[in-house]
Protein backbone atom coordinates (compact mmCIF):
# COMPACT_ATOMS: atom_id res chain seq x y z
CA MET A 1 5.86 -3.36 -16.23
CA ILE A 2 7.28 -5.26 -13.25
CA LYS A 3 5.57 -4.78 -9.90
CA ILE A 4 7.22 -5.41 -6.55
CA GLY A 5 5.11 -5.25 -3.39
CA VAL A 6 6.69 -4.25 -0.07
CA THR A 7 4.55 -5.09 2.93
CA GLY A 8 4.97 -6.09 6.54
CA GLY A 9 1.83 -7.03 8.40
CA LYS A 10 2.18 -4.94 11.56
CA GLY A 11 3.10 -1.28 11.47
CA GLY A 12 6.59 -0.15 12.35
CA THR A 13 8.52 -3.07 10.89
CA GLY A 14 10.36 -0.78 8.47
CA LYS A 15 8.60 -1.50 5.19
CA SER A 16 8.73 2.16 4.12
CA PHE A 17 12.37 2.28 5.17
CA VAL A 18 13.07 -0.69 2.90
CA ALA A 19 10.88 0.56 0.03
CA THR A 20 12.42 4.04 -0.12
CA ASN A 21 15.99 2.77 0.05
CA LEU A 22 15.31 0.18 -2.66
CA ALA A 23 13.78 2.89 -4.84
CA VAL A 24 16.99 4.93 -4.55
CA LEU A 25 19.21 1.93 -5.25
CA LEU A 26 17.18 0.63 -8.20
CA SER A 27 16.41 3.94 -9.90
CA GLN A 28 19.41 3.56 -12.22
CA ALA A 29 18.84 -0.13 -12.83
CA THR A 30 15.60 0.47 -14.72
CA ASP A 31 14.38 2.85 -17.41
CA ARG A 32 11.64 4.36 -15.28
CA LEU A 33 10.92 3.62 -11.63
CA VAL A 34 7.79 4.61 -9.75
CA LEU A 35 7.44 4.30 -5.98
CA ALA A 36 3.77 4.17 -4.95
CA ASP A 37 3.01 4.93 -1.30
CA LEU A 38 -0.21 2.98 -0.84
CA ASP A 39 -0.32 3.42 2.93
CA VAL A 40 -3.13 5.90 2.40
CA GLU A 41 -3.97 6.20 6.10
CA ALA A 42 -0.45 7.24 7.09
CA PRO A 43 1.81 7.77 4.06
CA ASN A 44 5.37 8.73 4.94
CA ASP A 45 7.60 7.83 1.99
CA HIS A 46 7.84 11.53 1.11
CA ILE A 47 9.05 12.25 4.66
CA LEU A 48 11.70 9.54 4.52
CA LEU A 49 12.88 10.95 1.20
CA GLY A 50 13.01 14.48 2.57
CA VAL A 51 10.43 15.93 0.15
CA GLY A 52 7.13 17.61 0.88
CA LEU A 53 3.92 16.76 -0.91
CA PRO A 54 3.24 19.00 -3.92
CA GLU A 55 0.44 21.56 -3.81
CA GLU A 56 -1.40 20.07 -6.77
CA ALA A 57 -3.60 17.15 -5.77
CA ARG A 58 -5.90 14.82 -7.66
CA GLU A 59 -9.14 13.84 -6.02
CA ILE A 60 -9.96 10.21 -5.31
CA LEU A 61 -13.61 10.02 -6.30
CA VAL A 62 -15.97 7.15 -5.51
CA PHE A 63 -19.57 6.48 -6.44
CA PHE A 64 -22.26 7.92 -4.15
CA PRO A 65 -25.97 7.02 -4.52
CA LYS A 66 -28.14 9.78 -5.91
CA ILE A 67 -31.79 8.88 -5.36
CA VAL A 68 -34.62 9.99 -7.65
CA ALA A 69 -37.52 10.51 -5.24
CA GLU A 70 -40.17 10.17 -7.96
CA ARG A 71 -39.02 6.64 -8.79
CA CYS A 72 -38.25 5.39 -5.28
CA THR A 73 -40.93 3.21 -3.63
CA GLY A 74 -39.03 2.62 -0.38
CA CYS A 75 -38.81 -1.11 -1.08
CA GLY A 76 -35.52 -1.41 0.76
CA ALA A 77 -33.68 -3.45 -1.87
CA CYS A 78 -30.76 -1.04 -1.72
CA ALA A 79 -30.41 -1.38 2.07
CA LYS A 80 -30.47 -5.17 1.86
CA VAL A 81 -27.43 -5.34 -0.42
CA CYS A 82 -25.42 -2.63 1.36
CA ASP A 83 -22.76 -4.53 3.32
CA THR A 84 -21.50 -1.44 5.16
CA GLY A 85 -24.84 -0.37 6.65
CA ALA A 86 -24.71 2.97 4.85
CA ILE A 87 -28.38 2.84 3.77
CA ILE A 88 -31.41 2.84 6.07
CA VAL A 89 -35.01 2.49 4.88
CA ARG A 90 -37.91 2.87 7.31
CA GLY A 91 -41.64 2.68 6.68
CA GLY A 92 -41.44 2.79 2.92
CA LEU A 93 -39.77 6.21 2.98
CA ILE A 94 -36.89 7.36 0.77
CA PRO A 95 -33.63 5.78 1.95
CA PHE A 96 -31.31 7.71 4.25
CA ILE A 97 -27.61 7.41 3.39
CA PHE A 98 -24.62 7.85 5.68
CA PRO A 99 -21.88 9.23 3.39
CA ARG A 100 -18.92 8.11 5.52
CA LEU A 101 -20.20 4.53 5.62
CA CYS A 102 -20.65 4.28 1.86
CA SER A 103 -17.81 2.44 0.14
CA GLY A 104 -18.93 3.35 -3.37
CA CYS A 105 -19.39 -0.29 -4.41
CA LYS A 106 -22.51 0.42 -6.56
CA ALA A 107 -24.38 -2.62 -5.23
CA CYS A 108 -27.41 -0.44 -4.47
CA TYR A 109 -27.36 0.99 -7.99
CA TYR A 110 -27.53 -2.48 -9.55
CA ALA A 111 -30.03 -3.83 -7.02
CA CYS A 112 -32.68 -1.10 -7.35
CA PRO A 113 -35.59 -2.60 -9.35
CA TYR A 114 -37.02 0.84 -10.16
CA LYS A 115 -33.86 2.53 -11.45
CA ALA A 116 -34.25 5.11 -8.71
CA ILE A 117 -30.52 5.38 -8.06
CA LEU A 118 -28.46 7.31 -10.57
CA PRO A 119 -24.78 6.57 -11.28
CA GLY A 120 -23.68 10.19 -11.45
CA GLY A 121 -23.14 10.85 -7.76
CA ARG A 122 -19.55 11.19 -6.51
CA ARG A 123 -17.79 12.03 -3.27
CA VAL A 124 -14.15 12.74 -2.46
CA LEU A 125 -12.50 9.90 -0.57
CA GLY A 126 -8.99 11.32 -0.55
CA TYR A 127 -6.23 12.82 -2.64
CA MET A 128 -3.30 11.66 -4.78
CA TYR A 129 0.01 13.38 -5.43
CA VAL A 130 2.59 12.83 -8.16
CA GLN A 131 6.10 14.23 -7.95
CA GLU A 132 9.59 13.65 -9.28
CA VAL A 133 12.30 12.87 -6.77
CA ASN A 134 15.60 14.17 -8.12
CA LYS A 135 18.13 13.90 -5.31
CA TRP A 136 21.48 12.27 -4.56
CA GLY A 137 22.06 11.78 -8.29
CA GLU A 138 18.99 9.57 -8.59
CA SER A 139 15.64 10.19 -10.27
CA PHE A 140 12.29 8.45 -9.92
CA SER A 141 8.61 9.23 -9.50
CA LEU A 142 6.73 9.14 -6.20
CA VAL A 143 2.95 8.65 -6.16
CA THR A 144 1.26 9.18 -2.80
CA GLY A 145 -2.32 8.43 -1.78
CA VAL A 146 -3.86 10.18 1.22
CA LEU A 147 -7.22 9.21 2.71
CA ARG A 148 -9.37 12.07 3.99
CA GLU A 149 -9.54 12.35 7.75
CA GLY A 150 -12.35 10.24 9.17
CA GLU A 151 -12.75 8.05 6.09
CA GLU A 152 -12.79 4.30 6.69
CA HIS A 153 -12.77 2.74 3.22
CA THR A 154 -9.12 2.35 2.32
CA PRO A 155 -9.31 -0.23 -0.54
CA PRO A 156 -10.87 2.18 -3.09
CA ALA A 157 -8.24 4.81 -2.26
CA VAL A 158 -5.44 2.24 -2.55
CA LEU A 159 -6.79 1.00 -5.88
CA ALA A 160 -7.10 4.54 -7.31
CA THR A 161 -3.54 5.43 -6.24
CA LYS A 162 -2.17 2.19 -7.63
CA ARG A 163 -3.90 2.76 -10.97
CA LEU A 164 -2.48 6.28 -11.15
CA ALA A 165 1.02 4.91 -10.54
CA GLU A 166 0.49 2.27 -13.24
CA SER A 167 -0.74 4.94 -15.67
CA LEU A 168 2.74 6.49 -15.58
CA ARG A 169 3.91 3.34 -17.39
CA PRO A 170 6.97 2.55 -15.29
CA SER A 171 9.23 -0.33 -16.12
CA LEU A 172 9.42 -1.01 -12.36
CA LEU A 173 6.69 -0.20 -9.84
CA ILE A 174 7.47 -0.55 -6.14
CA ALA A 175 4.25 -0.61 -4.11
CA ASP A 176 4.68 0.27 -0.44
CA THR A 177 1.57 -1.05 1.33
CA GLY A 178 -0.17 -0.02 4.51
CA ALA A 179 0.05 -1.92 7.77
CA GLY A 180 -2.11 -4.92 8.53
CA THR A 181 -3.40 -7.82 6.47
CA GLY A 182 -6.76 -6.48 5.29
CA ASN A 183 -8.24 -5.99 1.84
CA SER A 184 -6.22 -2.81 1.26
CA VAL A 185 -2.98 -4.80 1.46
CA SER A 186 -4.30 -7.49 -0.90
CA VAL A 187 -5.31 -4.79 -3.39
CA ALA A 188 -1.89 -3.17 -3.12
CA ILE A 189 0.15 -6.33 -3.80
CA GLN A 190 -2.17 -7.86 -6.39
CA GLY A 191 -0.36 -8.36 -9.68
CA SER A 192 3.11 -8.20 -8.13
CA ARG A 193 5.80 -10.46 -9.49
CA LEU A 194 7.33 -10.62 -6.03
CA VAL A 195 6.33 -9.62 -2.50
CA ILE A 196 8.93 -8.47 0.00
CA ALA A 197 7.65 -9.09 3.52
CA VAL A 198 9.46 -6.92 6.06
CA THR A 199 9.38 -8.12 9.64
CA GLU A 200 11.28 -7.78 12.90
CA PRO A 201 12.52 -10.55 15.24
CA THR A 202 9.84 -10.03 17.88
CA PRO A 203 6.79 -12.14 18.86
CA LEU A 204 4.38 -9.63 17.34
CA GLY A 205 6.47 -9.32 14.20
CA LEU A 206 6.46 -13.11 13.85
CA HIS A 207 2.69 -13.26 14.35
CA ASP A 208 1.98 -10.71 11.63
CA LEU A 209 4.57 -12.17 9.29
CA GLN A 210 2.69 -15.47 9.44
CA ALA A 211 -0.53 -13.65 8.51
CA ILE A 212 1.00 -11.84 5.53
CA LEU A 213 2.69 -15.05 4.31
CA ARG A 214 -0.67 -16.80 4.39
CA ILE A 215 -2.15 -14.05 2.24
CA ALA A 216 0.72 -14.23 -0.24
CA ARG A 217 0.43 -18.02 -0.42
CA GLY A 218 -3.33 -17.75 -0.96
CA MET A 219 -2.67 -15.32 -3.83
CA GLU A 220 0.02 -17.67 -5.19
CA MET A 221 2.73 -15.05 -4.94
CA ARG A 222 6.46 -15.43 -4.53
CA VAL A 223 7.87 -13.97 -1.30
CA TRP A 224 11.20 -12.78 0.02
CA VAL A 225 11.40 -12.09 3.74
CA VAL A 226 13.48 -9.25 5.17
CA VAL A 227 14.28 -9.26 8.88
CA ASN A 228 14.75 -5.62 9.83
CA ARG A 229 16.55 -4.60 13.03
CA ALA A 230 18.18 -8.01 13.06
CA GLY A 231 20.04 -8.76 16.23
CA ILE A 232 17.43 -7.60 18.71
CA GLY A 233 15.54 -10.90 18.94
CA ASP A 234 15.18 -14.52 17.92
CA GLU A 235 15.75 -14.68 14.16
CA GLU A 236 15.72 -18.47 13.94
CA ARG A 237 11.95 -18.54 14.53
CA VAL A 238 11.51 -16.14 11.61
CA ARG A 239 13.68 -18.28 9.35
CA ARG A 240 11.82 -21.42 10.38
CA LEU A 241 8.46 -19.82 9.63
CA ALA A 242 9.72 -18.51 6.29
CA ARG A 243 10.80 -22.02 5.27
CA GLU A 244 7.51 -23.55 6.40
CA MET A 245 5.48 -20.95 4.48
CA GLY A 246 7.48 -21.26 1.26
CA ALA A 247 9.39 -17.97 1.24
CA GLU A 248 12.19 -18.13 -1.32
CA ARG A 249 14.80 -16.07 0.52
CA VAL A 250 15.45 -14.51 3.92
CA TYR A 251 17.57 -11.36 4.29
CA ARG A 252 18.65 -9.55 7.43
CA ILE A 253 19.16 -5.84 7.95
CA PRO A 254 21.10 -5.40 11.19
CA TYR A 255 19.96 -2.90 13.79
CA SER A 256 21.70 0.42 13.18
CA ARG A 257 21.60 3.71 15.07
CA ARG A 258 22.72 5.43 11.87
CA ALA A 259 19.57 4.12 10.20
CA ALA A 260 17.46 5.83 12.85
CA GLU A 261 19.44 9.05 12.40
CA ALA A 262 19.01 8.95 8.62
CA TYR A 263 15.32 8.22 9.11
CA THR A 264 14.79 11.38 11.16
CA ARG A 265 16.78 13.52 8.70
CA GLY A 266 14.80 12.41 5.68
CA VAL A 267 17.81 10.85 3.98
CA PRO A 268 17.93 7.17 2.95
CA ILE A 269 20.53 5.22 4.90
CA VAL A 270 22.21 4.12 1.65
CA VAL A 271 22.94 7.80 0.99
CA HIS A 272 23.49 8.94 4.58
CA SER A 273 25.86 6.12 5.58
CA PRO A 274 26.70 3.97 2.53
CA ARG A 275 29.22 1.84 4.46
CA ASP A 276 26.88 1.05 7.32
CA PRO A 277 25.99 -2.68 7.62
CA ALA A 278 22.31 -1.78 7.06
CA SER A 279 23.24 -0.11 3.76
CA GLU A 280 25.27 -3.13 2.71
CA ALA A 281 22.29 -5.39 3.42
CA LEU A 282 19.97 -3.18 1.39
CA ARG A 283 22.41 -3.17 -1.52
CA GLU A 284 22.42 -6.97 -1.42
CA ILE A 285 18.63 -7.04 -1.69
CA ALA A 286 18.67 -4.44 -4.47
CA GLY A 287 21.31 -6.41 -6.37
CA ASP A 288 19.21 -9.55 -6.25
CA LEU A 289 16.15 -7.58 -7.32
CA ALA A 290 18.09 -6.10 -10.26
CA GLY A 291 18.89 -9.65 -11.33
CA GLU A 292 15.23 -10.58 -10.95
CA ILE A 293 14.21 -7.62 -13.10
CA ALA A 294 16.79 -8.36 -15.76
CA GLY A 295 15.71 -12.00 -15.86
């Protein structure tokens, strides 16, 4: 299995635009392709592909402390190791737990000296969807993770969705990450042969590109940089940063009104307007990726 991570630091750079178009272009270049939408807080790959989420959902379950009152002494060991502040112990009483603050890490379970916390408790963090995309003469699987409204712990949801995508045993897995540079992004790109960092030629795009390149370098990962909406700003600063941070290649996808139109219609630009300069740029990236996969 070959994993390719598509990320971008800030939101709105076009990472999902790039990931969905690459999935369409590469679906015939590999035996089985899976696109995993790991932006669990705001997944939209299904929208860009013009498909709705299926009715059948799989729950994302995480550990939740279940306290045995007869064993609990109120020592507070569980609260001391809880790094999210989900457990409060006062006056030697049984701990009080805030469900939405609990990340399901099990630290309290292992820390309790009296075995007063059982491992059987579970709570639903979100949902996962698996569907086949059979359109435009292409076929691949789409796995989507969706965090429940109000939930804050994205890494466990990202990890569960990624594992579900991997369980389908694809020959190529494209992981479309969420925005930002937090733990959820690191979890999403971990194990990738290559990371594609999508940015835009703006000051904020440059700032967040630097952050995501630092993460990739710290994880010792190879990186290709894609400048989306090229032509609207200073691209030389992006290229300079990419060189300084060790990115192997820099691609540019020119700004295109047709791309925006295709975006709103739920049709990939490579299908909607195959001769558009943006489509040609995406085909170049896909061609190089196909060579990477074959090698």
